[in-house]
Amino acid sequence: MLLLKFKEFGCALTVLDLLIMDIGTYTSMIKKTKVSHTTLQRVLMDLRNIKAITKRDLGHKKVEYIISAKGRRLYKHLHGVQELLRSD
């Protein structure tokens, strides 16, 4: 199931946040999320599987991710969950 682990939850939220700001390259995501390649790949695959993001090949080993309307709605809900987790 998507985002059951807190590390992946935080990573997914950061990825969606970056995509909303139009920062969609894999290199920028790995630097900003500060997670392993394996974790980032898993999160990106999960987000692609639910059609929250799309992947676009730009050339030799260059990939860009784009957030969909569904991804924007998911971001709002995940942000709400994050706020719930922070509150006492």
Protein backbone atom coordinates (compact mmCIF):
# COMPACT_ATOMS: atom_id res chain seq x y z
CA MET A 1 0.00 0.00 0.00
CA LEU A 2 1.11 3.52 -0.74
CA LEU A 3 2.98 5.50 1.90
CA LEU A 4 2.69 3.24 4.91
CA LYS A 5 6.19 3.98 6.13
CA PHE A 6 6.85 7.41 7.62
CA LYS A 7 10.11 7.81 5.68
CA GLU A 8 8.23 7.22 2.42
CA PHE A 9 5.39 9.49 3.53
CA GLY A 10 7.83 12.34 4.09
CA CYS A 11 9.61 11.60 0.83
CA ALA A 12 6.34 11.56 -1.14
CA LEU A 13 5.28 14.85 0.40
CA THR A 14 8.64 16.42 -0.49
CA VAL A 15 8.48 15.04 -4.05
CA LEU A 16 4.99 16.44 -4.58
CA ASP A 17 6.08 19.75 -3.06
CA LEU A 18 9.02 19.93 -5.49
CA LEU A 19 6.77 19.09 -8.43
CA ILE A 20 4.30 21.81 -7.47
CA MET A 21 7.26 24.24 -7.59
CA ASP A 22 8.18 22.85 -11.07
CA ILE A 23 11.36 21.15 -9.87
CA GLY A 24 10.89 17.76 -11.46
CA THR A 25 14.27 16.29 -12.26
CA TYR A 26 15.42 13.12 -10.52
CA THR A 27 18.74 14.70 -9.55
CA SER A 28 17.07 17.60 -7.75
CA MET A 29 14.70 15.21 -5.98
CA ILE A 30 17.48 12.98 -4.67
CA LYS A 31 19.29 16.04 -3.32
CA LYS A 32 16.23 17.60 -1.67
CA THR A 33 14.65 14.44 -0.21
CA LYS A 34 17.92 13.12 1.25
CA VAL A 35 16.75 9.52 0.99
CA SER A 36 18.33 6.54 -0.74
CA HIS A 37 17.84 5.93 -4.45
CA THR A 38 15.85 2.82 -3.56
CA THR A 39 13.39 4.75 -1.39
CA LEU A 40 13.00 7.54 -3.94
CA GLN A 41 12.47 5.03 -6.76
CA ARG A 42 9.80 3.24 -4.70
CA VAL A 43 7.97 6.49 -3.93
CA LEU A 44 8.12 7.64 -7.56
CA MET A 45 6.84 4.26 -8.74
CA ASP A 46 3.96 4.36 -6.23
CA LEU A 47 3.03 7.91 -7.28
CA ARG A 48 3.16 6.91 -10.95
CA ASN A 49 1.04 3.81 -10.32
CA ILE A 50 -1.77 5.89 -8.84
CA LYS A 51 -1.35 8.47 -11.63
CA ALA A 52 -0.37 11.29 -9.28
CA ILE A 53 2.69 12.02 -11.43
CA THR A 54 3.85 11.27 -14.95
CA LYS A 55 7.36 10.53 -16.17
CA ARG A 56 8.88 12.16 -19.23
CA ASP A 57 12.19 11.07 -20.76
CA LEU A 58 14.32 14.03 -21.80
CA GLY A 59 17.19 12.16 -23.36
CA HIS A 60 20.13 10.07 -22.32
CA LYS A 61 19.51 9.22 -18.65
CA LYS A 62 17.54 12.44 -18.10
CA VAL A 63 14.05 12.17 -16.68
CA GLU A 64 11.52 14.75 -15.61
CA TYR A 65 8.43 14.16 -13.50
CA ILE A 66 5.25 16.20 -13.78
CA ILE A 67 2.48 16.40 -11.19
CA SER A 68 -1.08 15.68 -12.33
CA ALA A 69 -4.35 17.16 -11.06
CA LYS A 70 -4.78 14.01 -8.99
CA GLY A 71 -1.30 14.56 -7.55
CA ARG A 72 -2.20 18.11 -6.54
CA ARG A 73 -5.27 16.82 -4.68
CA LEU A 74 -3.17 14.10 -3.04
CA TYR A 75 -0.65 16.73 -1.95
CA LYS A 76 -3.37 18.71 -0.18
CA HIS A 77 -4.56 15.59 1.66
CA LEU A 78 -1.06 14.48 2.62
CA HIS A 79 -0.28 17.96 3.86
CA GLY A 80 -3.40 17.74 6.04
CA VAL A 81 -2.26 14.38 7.43
CA GLN A 82 1.14 15.85 8.20
CA GLU A 83 -0.51 18.67 10.14
CA LEU A 84 -2.57 16.12 12.08
CA LEU A 85 0.56 14.19 12.99
CA ARG A 86 2.25 17.36 14.23
CA SER A 87 -0.61 18.51 16.43
CA ASP A 88 -1.00 17.26 19.98
